[in-house]
Amino acid sequence: MSLRLQRVRELLKREIGEIVRREIPVGECGLISVNDVDVSSDLHSAVVFIGVLGNADQQKRAVEVLRDNRKRLQGLVARGVILKYTPQLRFVVDDSIERGNRVLRILEDLDKPEPQT
């Protein structure tokens, strides 16, 4: 991956995270964090990986709100980040942290000594 593409990814990640923090209410959607942004090489599209701290309803609601407000959020990104093309955003729930925590719990359970009978 080129250095320029990495810099654009980090810039978009920071800007989208700030916009989401500012624009999306925490009460109904939980706390939304931008974990990563994957930008296409032509900069025309970007997949935004989000994490949501909250219950299942809040997670579902967060994805709906982000997808419904995609155009507006994209416009805010265009104002904050000056690029030749503003990538079309696509929001995806990133469950890698949750999967990692599950693996850690399994490993901890394996390390526990079995009770003597």
C-alpha atoms as a PDB file:
ATOM      1  CA  MET A   1       0.000   0.000   0.000  1.00  0.00           C
ATOM      2  CA  SER A   2       1.352   3.407  -0.911  1.00  0.00           C
ATOM      3  CA  LEU A   3       2.267   5.984   1.703  1.00  0.00           C
ATOM      4  CA  ARG A   4      -0.262   8.416   0.235  1.00  0.00           C
ATOM      5  CA  LEU A   5      -3.080   5.877   0.542  1.00  0.00           C
ATOM      6  CA  GLN A   6      -2.135   5.184   4.172  1.00  0.00           C
ATOM      7  CA  ARG A   7      -2.156   8.896   4.946  1.00  0.00           C
ATOM      8  CA  VAL A   8      -5.576   9.317   3.293  1.00  0.00           C
ATOM      9  CA  ARG A   9      -6.924   6.347   5.303  1.00  0.00           C
ATOM     10  CA  GLU A  10      -5.735   7.842   8.588  1.00  0.00           C
ATOM     11  CA  LEU A  11      -7.036  11.286   7.671  1.00  0.00           C
ATOM     12  CA  LEU A  12     -10.459   9.889   6.759  1.00  0.00           C
ATOM     13  CA  LYS A  13     -10.553   7.726   9.886  1.00  0.00           C
ATOM     14  CA  ARG A  14      -9.864  10.724  12.117  1.00  0.00           C
ATOM     15  CA  GLU A  15     -12.310  13.025  10.302  1.00  0.00           C
ATOM     16  CA  ILE A  16     -15.160  10.487  10.098  1.00  0.00           C
ATOM     17  CA  GLY A  17     -14.668   9.603  13.772  1.00  0.00           C
ATOM     18  CA  GLU A  18     -14.920  13.261  14.738  1.00  0.00           C
ATOM     19  CA  ILE A  19     -18.012  13.815  12.573  1.00  0.00           C
ATOM     20  CA  VAL A  20     -19.752  10.714  13.943  1.00  0.00           C
ATOM     21  CA  ARG A  21     -18.933  11.771  17.515  1.00  0.00           C
ATOM     22  CA  ARG A  22     -20.336  15.236  16.859  1.00  0.00           C
ATOM     23  CA  GLU A  23     -23.400  14.371  14.733  1.00  0.00           C
ATOM     24  CA  ILE A  24     -24.790  11.042  15.978  1.00  0.00           C
ATOM     25  CA  PRO A  25     -26.568  11.045  19.379  1.00  0.00           C
ATOM     26  CA  VAL A  26     -25.078   8.578  21.858  1.00  0.00           C
ATOM     27  CA  GLY A  27     -28.391   7.952  23.659  1.00  0.00           C
ATOM     28  CA  GLU A  28     -30.189   6.139  20.869  1.00  0.00           C
ATOM     29  CA  CYS A  29     -27.198   4.632  19.024  1.00  0.00           C
ATOM     30  CA  GLY A  30     -24.684   3.830  21.756  1.00  0.00           C
ATOM     31  CA  LEU A  31     -21.096   4.972  21.474  1.00  0.00           C
ATOM     32  CA  ILE A  32     -19.874   4.633  17.888  1.00  0.00           C
ATOM     33  CA  SER A  33     -16.170   4.393  17.179  1.00  0.00           C
ATOM     34  CA  VAL A  34     -14.449   4.312  13.801  1.00  0.00           C
ATOM     35  CA  ASN A  35     -12.021   1.374  13.983  1.00  0.00           C
ATOM     36  CA  ASP A  36     -10.609   1.527  10.478  1.00  0.00           C
ATOM     37  CA  VAL A  37     -11.203   2.859   6.974  1.00  0.00           C
ATOM     38  CA  ASP A  38     -10.351   0.894   3.853  1.00  0.00           C
ATOM     39  CA  VAL A  39     -10.002   3.161   0.821  1.00  0.00           C
ATOM     40  CA  SER A  40      -9.986   1.950  -2.770  1.00  0.00           C
ATOM     41  CA  SER A  41      -6.862   2.752  -4.763  1.00  0.00           C
ATOM     42  CA  ASP A  42      -8.750   5.268  -6.939  1.00  0.00           C
ATOM     43  CA  LEU A  43     -10.199   6.976  -3.807  1.00  0.00           C
ATOM     44  CA  HIS A  44     -13.760   6.677  -5.142  1.00  0.00           C
ATOM     45  CA  SER A  45     -15.030   4.451  -2.329  1.00  0.00           C
ATOM     46  CA  ALA A  46     -14.248   3.736   1.287  1.00  0.00           C
ATOM     47  CA  VAL A  47     -15.450   1.081   3.704  1.00  0.00           C
ATOM     48  CA  VAL A  48     -15.730   2.457   7.240  1.00  0.00           C
ATOM     49  CA  PHE A  49     -15.431  -0.213   9.938  1.00  0.00           C
ATOM     50  CA  ILE A  50     -17.318   0.863  13.048  1.00  0.00           C
ATOM     51  CA  GLY A  51     -17.609  -0.499  16.550  1.00  0.00           C
ATOM     52  CA  VAL A  52     -20.664   0.190  18.705  1.00  0.00           C
ATOM     53  CA  LEU A  53     -20.673   0.092  22.487  1.00  0.00           C
ATOM     54  CA  GLY A  54     -24.223  -0.549  23.542  1.00  0.00           C
ATOM     55  CA  ASN A  55     -26.941  -3.163  23.554  1.00  0.00           C
ATOM     56  CA  ALA A  56     -28.111  -5.043  20.452  1.00  0.00           C
ATOM     57  CA  ASP A  57     -30.892  -2.530  19.720  1.00  0.00           C
ATOM     58  CA  GLN A  58     -28.438   0.377  19.894  1.00  0.00           C
ATOM     59  CA  GLN A  59     -26.029  -1.436  17.559  1.00  0.00           C
ATOM     60  CA  LYS A  60     -28.789  -2.077  15.032  1.00  0.00           C
ATOM     61  CA  ARG A  61     -29.998   1.521  15.340  1.00  0.00           C
ATOM     62  CA  ALA A  62     -26.450   2.879  14.905  1.00  0.00           C
ATOM     63  CA  VAL A  63     -26.009   1.067  11.589  1.00  0.00           C
ATOM     64  CA  GLU A  64     -29.412   2.313  10.387  1.00  0.00           C
ATOM     65  CA  VAL A  65     -28.639   5.920  11.346  1.00  0.00           C
ATOM     66  CA  LEU A  66     -25.217   5.835   9.683  1.00  0.00           C
ATOM     67  CA  ARG A  67     -26.600   4.345   6.481  1.00  0.00           C
ATOM     68  CA  ASP A  68     -29.549   6.760   6.409  1.00  0.00           C
ATOM     69  CA  ASN A  69     -27.250   9.772   6.937  1.00  0.00           C
ATOM     70  CA  ARG A  70     -24.480   8.568   4.603  1.00  0.00           C
ATOM     71  CA  LYS A  71     -24.869  11.393   2.075  1.00  0.00           C
ATOM     72  CA  ARG A  72     -24.858  14.090   4.764  1.00  0.00           C
ATOM     73  CA  LEU A  73     -21.850  12.555   6.513  1.00  0.00           C
ATOM     74  CA  GLN A  74     -20.081  12.284   3.161  1.00  0.00           C
ATOM     75  CA  GLY A  75     -20.714  15.986   2.568  1.00  0.00           C
ATOM     76  CA  LEU A  76     -19.263  16.855   5.974  1.00  0.00           C
ATOM     77  CA  VAL A  77     -16.199  14.737   5.202  1.00  0.00           C
ATOM     78  CA  ALA A  78     -15.824  16.565   1.868  1.00  0.00           C
ATOM     79  CA  ARG A  79     -15.738  19.897   3.723  1.00  0.00           C
ATOM     80  CA  GLY A  80     -13.229  18.663   6.285  1.00  0.00           C
ATOM     81  CA  VAL A  81     -10.872  16.745   3.995  1.00  0.00           C
ATOM     82  CA  ILE A  82      -9.772  18.320   0.739  1.00  0.00           C
ATOM     83  CA  LEU A  83      -9.328  15.587  -1.858  1.00  0.00           C
ATOM     84  CA  LYS A  84      -9.858  15.482  -5.601  1.00  0.00           C
ATOM     85  CA  TYR A  85     -12.596  12.893  -5.023  1.00  0.00           C
ATOM     86  CA  THR A  86     -14.547  12.405  -1.840  1.00  0.00           C
ATOM     87  CA  PRO A  87     -14.959   8.649  -1.477  1.00  0.00           C
ATOM     88  CA  GLN A  88     -18.418   7.138  -1.290  1.00  0.00           C
ATOM     89  CA  LEU A  89     -18.741   5.816   2.252  1.00  0.00           C
ATOM     90  CA  ARG A  90     -20.049   2.394   3.207  1.00  0.00           C
ATOM     91  CA  PHE A  91     -20.466   1.552   6.885  1.00  0.00           C
ATOM     92  CA  VAL A  92     -19.773  -1.969   8.161  1.00  0.00           C
ATOM     93  CA  VAL A  93     -19.903  -3.206  11.753  1.00  0.00           C
ATOM     94  CA  ASP A  94     -16.452  -4.375  12.796  1.00  0.00           C
ATOM     95  CA  ASP A  95     -16.794  -7.229  15.253  1.00  0.00           C
ATOM     96  CA  SER A  96     -13.079  -8.084  15.339  1.00  0.00           C
ATOM     97  CA  ILE A  97     -12.684  -6.746  18.901  1.00  0.00           C
ATOM     98  CA  GLU A  98     -15.615  -8.855  20.063  1.00  0.00           C
ATOM     99  CA  ARG A  99     -14.184 -11.945  18.325  1.00  0.00           C
ATOM    100  CA  GLY A 100     -10.773 -11.244  19.876  1.00  0.00           C
ATOM    101  CA  ASN A 101     -12.297 -10.973  23.343  1.00  0.00           C
ATOM    102  CA  ARG A 102     -14.111 -14.274  22.811  1.00  0.00           C
ATOM    103  CA  VAL A 103     -10.832 -15.975  21.836  1.00  0.00           C
ATOM    104  CA  LEU A 104      -9.136 -14.520  24.941  1.00  0.00           C
ATOM    105  CA  ARG A 105     -11.945 -15.854  27.161  1.00  0.00           C
ATOM    106  CA  ILE A 106     -11.579 -19.316  25.611  1.00  0.00           C
ATOM    107  CA  LEU A 107      -7.816 -19.227  26.193  1.00  0.00           C
ATOM    108  CA  GLU A 108      -8.344 -18.173  29.821  1.00  0.00           C
ATOM    109  CA  ASP A 109     -10.799 -21.040  30.308  1.00  0.00           C
ATOM    110  CA  LEU A 110      -8.229 -23.478  28.903  1.00  0.00           C
ATOM    111  CA  ASP A 111      -5.593 -22.207  31.354  1.00  0.00           C
ATOM    112  CA  LYS A 112      -7.804 -22.750  34.412  1.00  0.00           C
ATOM    113  CA  PRO A 113      -6.976 -25.933  36.300  1.00  0.00           C
ATOM    114  CA  GLU A 114      -9.721 -28.534  36.359  1.00  0.00           C
ATOM    115  CA  PRO A 115     -11.296 -29.084  39.797  1.00  0.00           C
ATOM    116  CA  GLN A 116     -10.193 -32.262  41.567  1.00  0.00           C
ATOM    117  CA  THR A 117     -12.955 -34.747  42.289  1.00  0.00           C
END
